[in-house]
PDB file of all heavy atoms in Angstrom:
ATOM      1  N   ASP A   1     114.535  -7.728 -92.552  1.00  0.00           N
ATOM      2  CA  ASP A   1     113.895  -9.044 -92.471  1.00  0.00           C
ATOM      3  C   ASP A   1     113.053  -9.231 -91.227  1.00  0.00           C
ATOM      4  O   ASP A   1     112.681 -10.326 -90.859  1.00  0.00           O
ATOM      5  CB  ASP A   1     114.954 -10.156 -92.557  1.00  0.00           C
ATOM      6  CG  ASP A   1     115.571 -10.287 -93.906  1.00  0.00           C
ATOM      7  OD1 ASP A   1     114.905  -9.989 -94.907  1.00  0.00           O
ATOM      8  OD2 ASP A   1     116.764 -10.667 -93.972  1.00  0.00           O
ATOM      9  N   VAL A   2     112.729  -8.122 -90.546  1.00  0.00           N
ATOM     10  CA  VAL A   2     111.941  -8.212 -89.309  1.00  0.00           C
ATOM     11  C   VAL A   2     110.621  -8.959 -89.599  1.00  0.00           C
ATOM     12  O   VAL A   2     110.008  -8.724 -90.671  1.00  0.00           O
ATOM     13  CB  VAL A   2     111.666  -6.791 -88.729  1.00  0.00           C
ATOM     14  CG1 VAL A   2     110.749  -5.997 -89.648  1.00  0.00           C
ATOM     15  CG2 VAL A   2     111.080  -6.910 -87.332  1.00  0.00           C
ATOM     16  N   PRO A   3     110.239  -9.870 -88.756  1.00  0.00           N
ATOM     17  CA  PRO A   3     108.969 -10.568 -88.911  1.00  0.00           C
ATOM     18  C   PRO A   3     107.795  -9.575 -88.918  1.00  0.00           C
ATOM     19  O   PRO A   3     107.748  -8.670 -88.101  1.00  0.00           O
ATOM     20  CB  PRO A   3     108.882 -11.505 -87.745  1.00  0.00           C
ATOM     21  CG  PRO A   3     110.301 -11.742 -87.345  1.00  0.00           C
ATOM     22  CD  PRO A   3     110.994 -10.410 -87.595  1.00  0.00           C
ATOM     23  N   ILE A   4     106.883  -9.730 -89.856  1.00  0.00           N
ATOM     24  CA  ILE A   4     105.723  -8.874 -90.019  1.00  0.00           C
ATOM     25  C   ILE A   4     104.458  -9.701 -89.994  1.00  0.00           C
ATOM     26  O   ILE A   4     104.342 -10.646 -90.776  1.00  0.00           O
ATOM     27  CB  ILE A   4     105.785  -8.059 -91.340  1.00  0.00           C
ATOM     28  CG1 ILE A   4     107.002  -7.177 -91.359  1.00  0.00           C
ATOM     29  CG2 ILE A   4     104.506  -7.203 -91.504  1.00  0.00           C
ATOM     30  CD1 ILE A   4     107.247  -6.497 -92.739  1.00  0.00           C
ATOM     31  N   ILE A   5     103.516  -9.337 -89.114  1.00  0.00           N
ATOM     32  CA  ILE A   5     102.204  -9.930 -89.105  1.00  0.00           C
ATOM     33  C   ILE A   5     101.214  -8.845 -89.481  1.00  0.00           C
ATOM     34  O   ILE A   5     101.169  -7.805 -88.847  1.00  0.00           O
ATOM     35  CB  ILE A   5     101.813 -10.529 -87.726  1.00  0.00           C
ATOM     36  CG1 ILE A   5     102.786 -11.642 -87.328  1.00  0.00           C
ATOM     37  CG2 ILE A   5     100.385 -11.024 -87.766  1.00  0.00           C
ATOM     38  CD1 ILE A   5     102.500 -12.218 -85.935  1.00  0.00           C
ATOM     39  N   ILE A   6     100.436  -9.085 -90.548  1.00  0.00           N
ATOM     40  CA  ILE A   6      99.391  -8.168 -90.936  1.00  0.00           C
ATOM     41  C   ILE A   6      98.204  -8.460 -90.038  1.00  0.00           C
ATOM     42  O   ILE A   6      97.748  -9.613 -89.910  1.00  0.00           O
ATOM     43  CB  ILE A   6      99.013  -8.378 -92.422  1.00  0.00           C
ATOM     44  CG1 ILE A   6     100.197  -8.085 -93.328  1.00  0.00           C
ATOM     45  CG2 ILE A   6      97.810  -7.499 -92.773  1.00  0.00           C
ATOM     46  CD1 ILE A   6     100.691  -6.648 -93.386  1.00  0.00           C
ATOM     47  N   VAL A   7      97.683  -7.411 -89.397  1.00  0.00           N
ATOM     48  CA  VAL A   7      96.489  -7.522 -88.521  1.00  0.00           C
ATOM     49  C   VAL A   7      95.475  -6.547 -89.125  1.00  0.00           C
ATOM     50  O   VAL A   7      95.632  -5.357 -88.965  1.00  0.00           O
ATOM     51  CB  VAL A   7      96.839  -7.187 -87.076  1.00  0.00           C
ATOM     52  CG1 VAL A   7      95.637  -7.353 -86.180  1.00  0.00           C
ATOM     53  CG2 VAL A   7      98.003  -8.059 -86.581  1.00  0.00           C
ATOM     54  N   THR A   8      94.406  -7.059 -89.723  1.00  0.00           N
ATOM     55  CA  THR A   8      93.551  -6.180 -90.518  1.00  0.00           C
ATOM     56  C   THR A   8      92.099  -6.636 -90.532  1.00  0.00           C
ATOM     57  O   THR A   8      91.805  -7.802 -90.258  1.00  0.00           O
ATOM     58  CB  THR A   8      94.067  -6.114 -91.983  1.00  0.00           C
ATOM     59  OG1 THR A   8      93.261  -5.198 -92.703  1.00  0.00           O
ATOM     60  CG2 THR A   8      94.036  -7.488 -92.656  1.00  0.00           C
ATOM     61  N   SER A   9      91.207  -5.726 -90.867  1.00  0.00           N
ATOM     62  CA  SER A   9      89.819  -6.058 -91.046  1.00  0.00           C
ATOM     63  C   SER A   9      89.548  -6.540 -92.463  1.00  0.00           C
ATOM     64  O   SER A   9      88.479  -7.109 -92.742  1.00  0.00           O
ATOM     65  CB  SER A   9      88.909  -4.847 -90.736  1.00  0.00           C
ATOM     66  OG  SER A   9      89.269  -3.784 -91.588  1.00  0.00           O
ATOM     67  N   LYS A  10      90.500  -6.388 -93.354  1.00  0.00           N
ATOM     68  CA  LYS A  10      90.360  -6.888 -94.723  1.00  0.00           C
ATOM     69  C   LYS A  10      90.489  -8.412 -94.659  1.00  0.00           C
ATOM     70  O   LYS A  10      91.455  -8.930 -94.087  1.00  0.00           O
ATOM     71  CB  LYS A  10      91.394  -6.303 -95.644  1.00  0.00           C
ATOM     72  CG  LYS A  10      91.216  -4.818 -95.876  1.00  0.00           C
ATOM     73  CD  LYS A  10      92.198  -4.335 -96.933  1.00  0.00           C
ATOM     74  CE  LYS A  10      91.849  -2.993 -97.429  1.00  0.00           C
ATOM     75  NZ  LYS A  10      91.435  -3.009 -98.797  1.00  0.00           N
ATOM     76  N   ASN A  11      89.548  -9.116 -95.230  1.00  0.00           N
ATOM     77  CA  ASN A  11      89.579 -10.562 -95.062  1.00  0.00           C
ATOM     78  C   ASN A  11      89.409 -11.338 -96.342  1.00  0.00           C
ATOM     79  O   ASN A  11      89.009 -12.506 -96.329  1.00  0.00           O
ATOM     80  CB  ASN A  11      88.502 -10.978 -94.040  1.00  0.00           C
ATOM     81  CG  ASN A  11      87.119 -10.647 -94.507  1.00  0.00           C
ATOM     82  OD1 ASN A  11      86.895 -10.080 -95.550  1.00  0.00           O
ATOM     83  ND2 ASN A  11      86.132 -10.997 -93.698  1.00  0.00           N
ATOM     84  N   SER A  12      89.697 -10.732 -97.488  1.00  0.00           N
ATOM     85  CA  SER A  12      89.580 -11.480 -98.739  1.00  0.00           C
ATOM     86  C   SER A  12      90.860 -12.258 -99.017  1.00  0.00           C
ATOM     87  O   SER A  12      91.927 -11.899 -98.500  1.00  0.00           O
ATOM     88  CB  SER A  12      89.236 -10.542 -99.899  1.00  0.00           C
ATOM     89  OG  SER A  12      90.394  -9.786-100.271  1.00  0.00           O
ATOM     90  N   ASP A  13      90.755 -13.236 -99.878  1.00  0.00           N
ATOM     91  CA  ASP A  13      91.942 -13.996-100.266  1.00  0.00           C
ATOM     92  C   ASP A  13      92.971 -13.109-100.940  1.00  0.00           C
ATOM     93  O   ASP A  13      94.163 -13.291-100.736  1.00  0.00           O
ATOM     94  CB  ASP A  13      91.560 -15.124-101.224  1.00  0.00           C
ATOM     95  CG  ASP A  13      90.804 -16.265-100.520  1.00  0.00           C
ATOM     96  OD1 ASP A  13      90.826 -16.306 -99.247  1.00  0.00           O
ATOM     97  OD2 ASP A  13      90.183 -17.079-101.199  1.00  0.00           O
ATOM     98  N   ILE A  14      92.501 -12.132-101.723  1.00  0.00           N
ATOM     99  CA  ILE A  14      93.426 -11.250-102.435  1.00  0.00           C
ATOM    100  C   ILE A  14      94.214 -10.369-101.450  1.00  0.00           C
ATOM    101  O   ILE A  14      95.382 -10.112-101.644  1.00  0.00           O
ATOM    102  CB  ILE A  14      92.708 -10.382-103.534  1.00  0.00           C
ATOM    103  CG1 ILE A  14      93.728  -9.711-104.425  1.00  0.00           C
ATOM    104  CG2 ILE A  14      91.803  -9.393-102.916  1.00  0.00           C
ATOM    105  CD1 ILE A  14      94.495 -10.612-105.355  1.00  0.00           C
ATOM    106  N   ASP A  15      93.555  -9.952-100.341  1.00  0.00           N
ATOM    107  CA  ASP A  15      94.285  -9.166 -99.335  1.00  0.00           C
ATOM    108  C   ASP A  15      95.372 -10.021 -98.669  1.00  0.00           C
ATOM    109  O   ASP A  15      96.484  -9.510 -98.474  1.00  0.00           O
ATOM    110  CB  ASP A  15      93.295  -8.693 -98.249  1.00  0.00           C
ATOM    111  CG  ASP A  15      92.298  -7.689 -98.793  1.00  0.00           C
ATOM    112  OD1 ASP A  15      92.722  -6.745 -99.500  1.00  0.00           O
ATOM    113  OD2 ASP A  15      91.090  -7.854 -98.545  1.00  0.00           O
ATOM    114  N   GLU A  16      95.050 -11.256 -98.364  1.00  0.00           N
ATOM    115  CA  GLU A  16      96.031 -12.108 -97.756  1.00  0.00           C
ATOM    116  C   GLU A  16      97.194 -12.413 -98.756  1.00  0.00           C
ATOM    117  O   GLU A  16      98.338 -12.347 -98.399  1.00  0.00           O
ATOM    118  CB  GLU A  16      95.394 -13.439 -97.311  1.00  0.00           C
ATOM    119  CG  GLU A  16      96.343 -14.318 -96.552  1.00  0.00           C
ATOM    120  CD  GLU A  16      95.659 -15.477 -95.862  1.00  0.00           C
ATOM    121  OE1 GLU A  16      94.435 -15.632 -95.966  1.00  0.00           O
ATOM    122  OE2 GLU A  16      96.391 -16.279 -95.195  1.00  0.00           O
ATOM    123  N   LEU A  17      96.825 -12.674 -99.974  1.00  0.00           N
ATOM    124  CA  LEU A  17      97.814 -12.942-101.046  1.00  0.00           C
ATOM    125  C   LEU A  17      98.725 -11.750-101.257  1.00  0.00           C
ATOM    126  O   LEU A  17      99.962 -11.879-101.324  1.00  0.00           O
ATOM    127  CB  LEU A  17      97.121 -13.338-102.344  1.00  0.00           C
ATOM    128  CG  LEU A  17      98.029 -13.692-103.500  1.00  0.00           C
ATOM    129  CD1 LEU A  17      98.916 -14.906-103.169  1.00  0.00           C
ATOM    130  CD2 LEU A  17      97.197 -13.966-104.756  1.00  0.00           C
ATOM    131  N   MET A  18      98.154 -10.568-101.355  1.00  0.00           N
ATOM    132  CA  MET A  18      98.965  -9.362-101.530  1.00  0.00           C
ATOM    133  C   MET A  18      99.910  -9.144-100.344  1.00  0.00           C
ATOM    134  O   MET A  18     101.089  -8.794-100.517  1.00  0.00           O
ATOM    135  CB  MET A  18      98.085  -8.128-101.722  1.00  0.00           C
ATOM    136  CG  MET A  18      97.420  -8.069-103.066  1.00  0.00           C
ATOM    137  SD  MET A  18      96.289  -6.687-103.286  1.00  0.00           S
ATOM    138  CE  MET A  18      97.338  -5.260-102.988  1.00  0.00           C
ATOM    139  N   SER A  19      99.413  -9.348 -99.142  1.00  0.00           N
ATOM    140  CA  SER A  19     100.229  -9.197 -97.960  1.00  0.00           C
ATOM    141  C   SER A  19     101.422 -10.101 -97.970  1.00  0.00           C
ATOM    142  O   SER A  19     102.571  -9.685 -97.706  1.00  0.00           O
ATOM    143  CB  SER A  19      99.383  -9.431 -96.671  1.00  0.00           C
ATOM    144  OG  SER A  19      98.361  -8.493 -96.574  1.00  0.00           O
ATOM    145  N   ILE A  20     101.170 -11.363 -98.250  1.00  0.00           N
ATOM    146  CA  ILE A  20     102.281 -12.334 -98.316  1.00  0.00           C
ATOM    147  C   ILE A  20     103.246 -12.006 -99.455  1.00  0.00           C
ATOM    148  O   ILE A  20     104.457 -12.047 -99.273  1.00  0.00           O
ATOM    149  CB  ILE A  20     101.721 -13.778 -98.459  1.00  0.00           C
ATOM    150  CG1 ILE A  20     100.804 -14.122 -97.259  1.00  0.00           C
ATOM    151  CG2 ILE A  20     102.847 -14.809 -98.582  1.00  0.00           C
ATOM    152  CD1 ILE A  20     101.428 -14.026 -95.866  1.00  0.00           C
ATOM    153  N   ASN A  21     102.720 -11.659-100.616  1.00  0.00           N
ATOM    154  CA  ASN A  21     103.557 -11.304-101.752  1.00  0.00           C
ATOM    155  C   ASN A  21     104.420 -10.051-101.479  1.00  0.00           C
ATOM    156  O   ASN A  21     105.503  -9.921-102.050  1.00  0.00           O
ATOM    157  CB  ASN A  21     102.738 -11.107-103.029  1.00  0.00           C
ATOM    158  CG  ASN A  21     102.313 -12.422-103.624  1.00  0.00           C
ATOM    159  OD1 ASN A  21     102.925 -13.470-103.365  1.00  0.00           O
ATOM    160  ND2 ASN A  21     101.268 -12.413-104.431  1.00  0.00           N
ATOM    161  N   PHE A  22     103.923  -9.127-100.681  1.00  0.00           N
ATOM    162  CA  PHE A  22     104.704  -7.958-100.328  1.00  0.00           C
ATOM    163  C   PHE A  22     105.649  -8.148 -99.177  1.00  0.00           C
ATOM    164  O   PHE A  22     106.379  -7.257 -98.770  1.00  0.00           O
ATOM    165  CB  PHE A  22     103.790  -6.768-100.036  1.00  0.00           C
ATOM    166  CG  PHE A  22     103.140  -6.181-101.255  1.00  0.00           C
ATOM    167  CD1 PHE A  22     101.790  -5.789-101.230  1.00  0.00           C
ATOM    168  CD2 PHE A  22     103.832  -6.000-102.449  1.00  0.00           C
ATOM    169  CE1 PHE A  22     101.211  -5.238-102.354  1.00  0.00           C
ATOM    170  CE2 PHE A  22     103.253  -5.447-103.584  1.00  0.00           C
ATOM    171  CZ  PHE A  22     101.913  -5.071-103.518  1.00  0.00           C
ATOM    172  N   GLY A  23     105.668  -9.365 -98.612  1.00  0.00           N
ATOM    173  CA  GLY A  23     106.681  -9.709 -97.601  1.00  0.00           C
ATOM    174  C   GLY A  23     106.194  -9.986 -96.204  1.00  0.00           C
ATOM    175  O   GLY A  23     107.017 -10.242 -95.320  1.00  0.00           O
ATOM    176  N   ALA A  24     104.900  -9.981 -95.985  1.00  0.00           N
ATOM    177  CA  ALA A  24     104.393 -10.314 -94.647  1.00  0.00           C
ATOM    178  C   ALA A  24     104.622 -11.782 -94.350  1.00  0.00           C
ATOM    179  O   ALA A  24     104.625 -12.636 -95.238  1.00  0.00           O
ATOM    180  CB  ALA A  24     102.909  -9.975 -94.514  1.00  0.00           C
ATOM    181  N   ASP A  25     104.848 -12.103 -93.095  1.00  0.00           N
ATOM    182  CA  ASP A  25     105.081 -13.468 -92.650  1.00  0.00           C
ATOM    183  C   ASP A  25     103.805 -14.167 -92.246  1.00  0.00           C
ATOM    184  O   ASP A  25     103.736 -15.412 -92.260  1.00  0.00           O
ATOM    185  CB  ASP A  25     106.073 -13.497 -91.505  1.00  0.00           C
ATOM    186  CG  ASP A  25     107.390 -12.946 -91.917  1.00  0.00           C
ATOM    187  OD1 ASP A  25     108.136 -13.642 -92.633  1.00  0.00           O
ATOM    188  OD2 ASP A  25     107.725 -11.805 -91.570  1.00  0.00           O
ATOM    189  N   ASP A  26     102.789 -13.397 -91.833  1.00  0.00           N
ATOM    190  CA  ASP A  26     101.537 -13.978 -91.369  1.00  0.00           C
ATOM    191  C   ASP A  26     100.441 -12.959 -91.577  1.00  0.00           C
ATOM    192  O   ASP A  26     100.721 -11.760 -91.802  1.00  0.00           O
ATOM    193  CB  ASP A  26     101.614 -14.369 -89.895  1.00  0.00           C
ATOM    194  CG  ASP A  26     100.638 -15.468 -89.523  1.00  0.00           C
ATOM    195  OD1 ASP A  26      99.683 -15.774 -90.307  1.00  0.00           O
ATOM    196  OD2 ASP A  26     100.745 -16.011 -88.401  1.00  0.00           O
ATOM    197  N   PHE A  27      99.198 -13.387 -91.520  1.00  0.00           N
ATOM    198  CA  PHE A  27      98.050 -12.554 -91.814  1.00  0.00           C
ATOM    199  C   PHE A  27      96.938 -13.004 -90.866  1.00  0.00           C
ATOM    200  O   PHE A  27      96.599 -14.198 -90.828  1.00  0.00           O
ATOM    201  CB  PHE A  27      97.641 -12.807 -93.270  1.00  0.00           C
ATOM    202  CG  PHE A  27      96.499 -11.941 -93.784  1.00  0.00           C
ATOM    203  CD1 PHE A  27      96.719 -10.733 -94.380  1.00  0.00           C
ATOM    204  CD2 PHE A  27      95.177 -12.374 -93.631  1.00  0.00           C
ATOM    205  CE1 PHE A  27      95.661  -9.983 -94.881  1.00  0.00           C
ATOM    206  CE2 PHE A  27      94.122 -11.626 -94.133  1.00  0.00           C
ATOM    207  CZ  PHE A  27      94.384 -10.424 -94.740  1.00  0.00           C
ATOM    208  N   ILE A  28      96.385 -12.075 -90.108  1.00  0.00           N
ATOM    209  CA  ILE A  28      95.295 -12.387 -89.182  1.00  0.00           C
ATOM    210  C   ILE A  28      94.226 -11.306 -89.321  1.00  0.00           C
ATOM    211  O   ILE A  28      94.563 -10.141 -89.411  1.00  0.00           O
ATOM    212  CB  ILE A  28      95.816 -12.551 -87.732  1.00  0.00           C
ATOM    213  CG1 ILE A  28      94.721 -13.122 -86.845  1.00  0.00           C
ATOM    214  CG2 ILE A  28      96.376 -11.273 -87.187  1.00  0.00           C
ATOM    215  CD1 ILE A  28      95.244 -13.625 -85.480  1.00  0.00           C
ATOM    216  N   THR A  29      92.985 -11.738 -89.337  1.00  0.00           N
ATOM    217  CA  THR A  29      91.866 -10.772 -89.535  1.00  0.00           C
ATOM    218  C   THR A  29      91.199 -10.429 -88.219  1.00  0.00           C
ATOM    219  O   THR A  29      91.129 -11.207 -87.309  1.00  0.00           O
ATOM    220  CB  THR A  29      90.824 -11.323 -90.526  1.00  0.00           C
ATOM    221  OG1 THR A  29      90.325 -12.553 -90.042  1.00  0.00           O
ATOM    222  CG2 THR A  29      91.421 -11.521 -91.900  1.00  0.00           C
ATOM    223  N   LYS A  30      90.723  -9.171 -88.212  1.00  0.00           N
ATOM    224  CA  LYS A  30      89.951  -8.651 -87.078  1.00  0.00           C
ATOM    225  C   LYS A  30      88.478  -9.053 -87.300  1.00  0.00           C
ATOM    226  O   LYS A  30      88.037  -9.087 -88.441  1.00  0.00           O
ATOM    227  CB  LYS A  30      90.017  -7.144 -87.020  1.00  0.00           C
ATOM    228  CG  LYS A  30      91.409  -6.563 -86.875  1.00  0.00           C
ATOM    229  CD  LYS A  30      91.357  -5.057 -87.009  1.00  0.00           C
ATOM    230  CE  LYS A  30      92.718  -4.437 -87.143  1.00  0.00           C
ATOM    231  NZ  LYS A  30      92.687  -3.027 -87.485  1.00  0.00           N
ATOM    232  N   PRO A  31      87.743  -9.306 -86.253  1.00  0.00           N
ATOM    233  CA  PRO A  31      88.215  -9.430 -84.853  1.00  0.00           C
ATOM    234  C   PRO A  31      89.003 -10.711 -84.712  1.00  0.00           C
ATOM    235  O   PRO A  31      88.713 -11.738 -85.373  1.00  0.00           O
ATOM    236  CB  PRO A  31      86.927  -9.465 -84.040  1.00  0.00           C
ATOM    237  CG  PRO A  31      85.912 -10.017 -84.978  1.00  0.00           C
ATOM    238  CD  PRO A  31      86.310  -9.558 -86.347  1.00  0.00           C
TER     239      PRO A  31
END
């Protein structure tokens, strides 16, 4: 259950949705 923040250059809604659905706690885009 470790907290996971996705930090990525992918910035579409589907990328954020997939990240959250796979268990990420937060999503932040580069830069």
